[in-house]
Structures are given as structure tokens and as C-alpha cells.
Amino acid sequence: MVIPTRTPMKDWVSLTTKTAPDPSYQGAHSAISFAAAEVLRLSFGDRFTFEVTSESLKGVTRHFTRFSAAAQEAGLSRIYAGQHFRTDHVAGKAWGGR
């Protein structure tokens, strides 16, 4: 029986974007965002309505009703950008306070 061999380079697909040259674990965006959300939650409560506009995407505004929701989105954005794995986000979230 012949077992086909697969070379890692054959199946590897590079990202089309560049990622920052920083460590993956723990996710810094998650840690910092959840730490800030925790401070704001302790000061104002978690239920707080606010909007955030994008500096790079003109006309894009995000609406949040909780500090924790904004922190969650900030952390997850790094996964979607290809910068972090979910484990990085989970560890950063725990390190940040929630």
C-alpha cells in the first residue's frame, strides 16, 4: 500500500495581510479591553450606552449597551484579523478581569 505524503508547504496558504510582530499569547487587545471594561463597570455599572466611530472606516459607528460587549468585540476583532487564536483571546479576557 502506498501512503501519499503531504508536504506542509503544499497546503499552506499565507494571509493576504501583514500581522504585527508581537506575541500571540495572551491577547493584548483582550486583556486591555477587559481591564478597561472592568474599571468602567465598577465606576458606572456594566449597562452603559455609547457609540464608537472608526478612524479608518469613515461613516462606520458601533453601538454598545455594555462595556463588556465592547471589550468582547475588541478582543474578537484580533481573531478575525488573523492576529490571534481564540485561546489568546480567552486568556487575555481572563487576565483582564472577567
C-alpha atoms as a PDB file:
ATOM      1  CA  MET A   1       0.000   0.000   0.000  1.00  0.00           C
ATOM      2  CA  VAL A   2       1.296   3.441  -0.927  1.00  0.00           C
ATOM      3  CA  ILE A   3       0.639   6.203   1.559  1.00  0.00           C
ATOM      4  CA  PRO A   4       0.626   9.612  -0.076  1.00  0.00           C
ATOM      5  CA  THR A   5       2.811  12.156   1.601  1.00  0.00           C
ATOM      6  CA  ARG A   6       1.723  15.711   2.070  1.00  0.00           C
ATOM      7  CA  THR A   7       4.200  18.479   2.327  1.00  0.00           C
ATOM      8  CA  PRO A   8       3.280  21.309   4.682  1.00  0.00           C
ATOM      9  CA  MET A   9       4.204  23.926   2.087  1.00  0.00           C
ATOM     10  CA  LYS A  10       1.785  22.476  -0.455  1.00  0.00           C
ATOM     11  CA  ASP A  11      -1.230  23.010   1.801  1.00  0.00           C
ATOM     12  CA  TRP A  12      -0.104  26.247   3.434  1.00  0.00           C
ATOM     13  CA  VAL A  13      -1.884  29.457   2.498  1.00  0.00           C
ATOM     14  CA  SER A  14      -0.421  32.744   3.645  1.00  0.00           C
ATOM     15  CA  LEU A  15      -2.507  35.621   4.929  1.00  0.00           C
ATOM     16  CA  THR A  16      -3.074  38.448   2.496  1.00  0.00           C
ATOM     17  CA  THR A  17      -2.474  40.971   5.260  1.00  0.00           C
ATOM     18  CA  LYS A  18       0.510  41.614   7.486  1.00  0.00           C
ATOM     19  CA  THR A  19       0.331  40.853  11.184  1.00  0.00           C
ATOM     20  CA  ALA A  20       2.153  42.728  13.908  1.00  0.00           C
ATOM     21  CA  PRO A  21       5.442  41.219  15.135  1.00  0.00           C
ATOM     22  CA  ASP A  22       4.244  40.681  18.696  1.00  0.00           C
ATOM     23  CA  PRO A  23       3.496  37.601  20.788  1.00  0.00           C
ATOM     24  CA  SER A  24       0.175  35.892  20.228  1.00  0.00           C
ATOM     25  CA  TYR A  25      -0.486  34.640  23.766  1.00  0.00           C
ATOM     26  CA  GLN A  26      -2.113  36.307  25.734  1.00  0.00           C
ATOM     27  CA  GLY A  27      -4.155  38.579  23.535  1.00  0.00           C
ATOM     28  CA  ALA A  28      -3.233  42.155  24.491  1.00  0.00           C
ATOM     29  CA  HIS A  29      -6.374  43.692  22.956  1.00  0.00           C
ATOM     30  CA  SER A  30      -8.493  41.316  25.017  1.00  0.00           C
ATOM     31  CA  ALA A  31      -6.556  41.886  28.234  1.00  0.00           C
ATOM     32  CA  ILE A  32      -6.517  45.678  27.933  1.00  0.00           C
ATOM     33  CA  SER A  33     -10.126  45.927  26.749  1.00  0.00           C
ATOM     34  CA  PHE A  34     -11.479  43.737  29.532  1.00  0.00           C
ATOM     35  CA  ALA A  35      -9.373  45.512  32.162  1.00  0.00           C
ATOM     36  CA  ALA A  36     -10.754  48.863  30.981  1.00  0.00           C
ATOM     37  CA  ALA A  37     -14.300  47.465  30.850  1.00  0.00           C
ATOM     38  CA  GLU A  38     -13.901  46.209  34.418  1.00  0.00           C
ATOM     39  CA  VAL A  39     -12.791  49.630  35.685  1.00  0.00           C
ATOM     40  CA  LEU A  40     -15.677  51.310  33.843  1.00  0.00           C
ATOM     41  CA  ARG A  41     -18.143  48.668  35.089  1.00  0.00           C
ATOM     42  CA  LEU A  42     -17.076  49.260  38.687  1.00  0.00           C
ATOM     43  CA  SER A  43     -17.468  53.029  38.188  1.00  0.00           C
ATOM     44  CA  PHE A  44     -20.696  53.192  36.168  1.00  0.00           C
ATOM     45  CA  GLY A  45     -22.176  49.677  36.061  1.00  0.00           C
ATOM     46  CA  ASP A  46     -21.960  47.428  33.012  1.00  0.00           C
ATOM     47  CA  ARG A  47     -25.123  48.739  31.355  1.00  0.00           C
ATOM     48  CA  PHE A  48     -23.958  51.925  29.696  1.00  0.00           C
ATOM     49  CA  THR A  49     -24.965  53.003  26.205  1.00  0.00           C
ATOM     50  CA  PHE A  50     -22.268  54.520  24.000  1.00  0.00           C
ATOM     51  CA  GLU A  51     -21.061  54.691  20.415  1.00  0.00           C
ATOM     52  CA  VAL A  52     -17.610  54.358  18.906  1.00  0.00           C
ATOM     53  CA  THR A  53     -16.657  55.708  15.481  1.00  0.00           C
ATOM     54  CA  SER A  54     -13.955  54.244  13.287  1.00  0.00           C
ATOM     55  CA  GLU A  55     -10.910  56.294  12.381  1.00  0.00           C
ATOM     56  CA  SER A  56     -10.085  54.102   9.388  1.00  0.00           C
ATOM     57  CA  LEU A  57     -13.613  53.330   8.107  1.00  0.00           C
ATOM     58  CA  LYS A  58     -15.334  56.649   7.542  1.00  0.00           C
ATOM     59  CA  GLY A  59     -19.011  56.600   8.465  1.00  0.00           C
ATOM     60  CA  VAL A  60     -18.811  53.377  10.498  1.00  0.00           C
ATOM     61  CA  THR A  61     -20.192  53.660  14.021  1.00  0.00           C
ATOM     62  CA  ARG A  62     -20.523  50.804  16.516  1.00  0.00           C
ATOM     63  CA  HIS A  63     -23.260  50.997  19.142  1.00  0.00           C
ATOM     64  CA  PHE A  64     -22.887  49.243  22.511  1.00  0.00           C
ATOM     65  CA  THR A  65     -25.112  48.914  25.569  1.00  0.00           C
ATOM     66  CA  ARG A  66     -22.480  47.281  27.794  1.00  0.00           C
ATOM     67  CA  PHE A  67     -18.789  47.877  28.390  1.00  0.00           C
ATOM     68  CA  SER A  68     -18.250  44.120  28.352  1.00  0.00           C
ATOM     69  CA  ALA A  69     -19.767  43.871  24.847  1.00  0.00           C
ATOM     70  CA  ALA A  70     -17.306  46.433  23.510  1.00  0.00           C
ATOM     71  CA  ALA A  71     -14.420  44.603  25.191  1.00  0.00           C
ATOM     72  CA  GLN A  72     -15.587  41.302  23.700  1.00  0.00           C
ATOM     73  CA  GLU A  73     -15.755  42.789  20.211  1.00  0.00           C
ATOM     74  CA  ALA A  74     -12.317  44.363  20.557  1.00  0.00           C
ATOM     75  CA  GLY A  75     -10.798  41.031  21.540  1.00  0.00           C
ATOM     76  CA  LEU A  76     -12.590  39.043  18.853  1.00  0.00           C
ATOM     77  CA  SER A  77     -11.545  41.558  16.194  1.00  0.00           C
ATOM     78  CA  ARG A  78      -7.959  40.354  16.549  1.00  0.00           C
ATOM     79  CA  ILE A  79      -9.047  36.792  15.757  1.00  0.00           C
ATOM     80  CA  TYR A  80     -10.888  37.975  12.645  1.00  0.00           C
ATOM     81  CA  ALA A  81      -7.821  39.968  11.605  1.00  0.00           C
ATOM     82  CA  GLY A  82      -5.648  36.855  11.804  1.00  0.00           C
ATOM     83  CA  GLN A  83      -3.563  38.254  14.651  1.00  0.00           C
ATOM     84  CA  HIS A  84      -4.669  35.866  17.418  1.00  0.00           C
ATOM     85  CA  PHE A  85      -6.181  32.472  18.105  1.00  0.00           C
ATOM     86  CA  ARG A  86      -9.292  32.095  20.267  1.00  0.00           C
ATOM     87  CA  THR A  87      -7.131  30.720  23.099  1.00  0.00           C
ATOM     88  CA  ASP A  88      -5.219  34.026  23.091  1.00  0.00           C
ATOM     89  CA  HIS A  89      -8.492  35.924  23.419  1.00  0.00           C
ATOM     90  CA  VAL A  90      -9.788  33.708  26.239  1.00  0.00           C
ATOM     91  CA  ALA A  91      -6.527  34.029  28.181  1.00  0.00           C
ATOM     92  CA  GLY A  92      -6.375  37.798  27.654  1.00  0.00           C
ATOM     93  CA  LYS A  93     -10.006  38.129  28.729  1.00  0.00           C
ATOM     94  CA  ALA A  94      -9.284  36.243  31.964  1.00  0.00           C
ATOM     95  CA  TRP A  95      -6.124  38.234  32.573  1.00  0.00           C
ATOM     96  CA  GLY A  96      -8.026  41.489  32.017  1.00  0.00           C
ATOM     97  CA  GLY A  97     -10.518  40.731  34.727  1.00  0.00           C
ATOM     98  CA  ARG A  98     -13.638  38.915  33.504  1.00  0.00           C
END
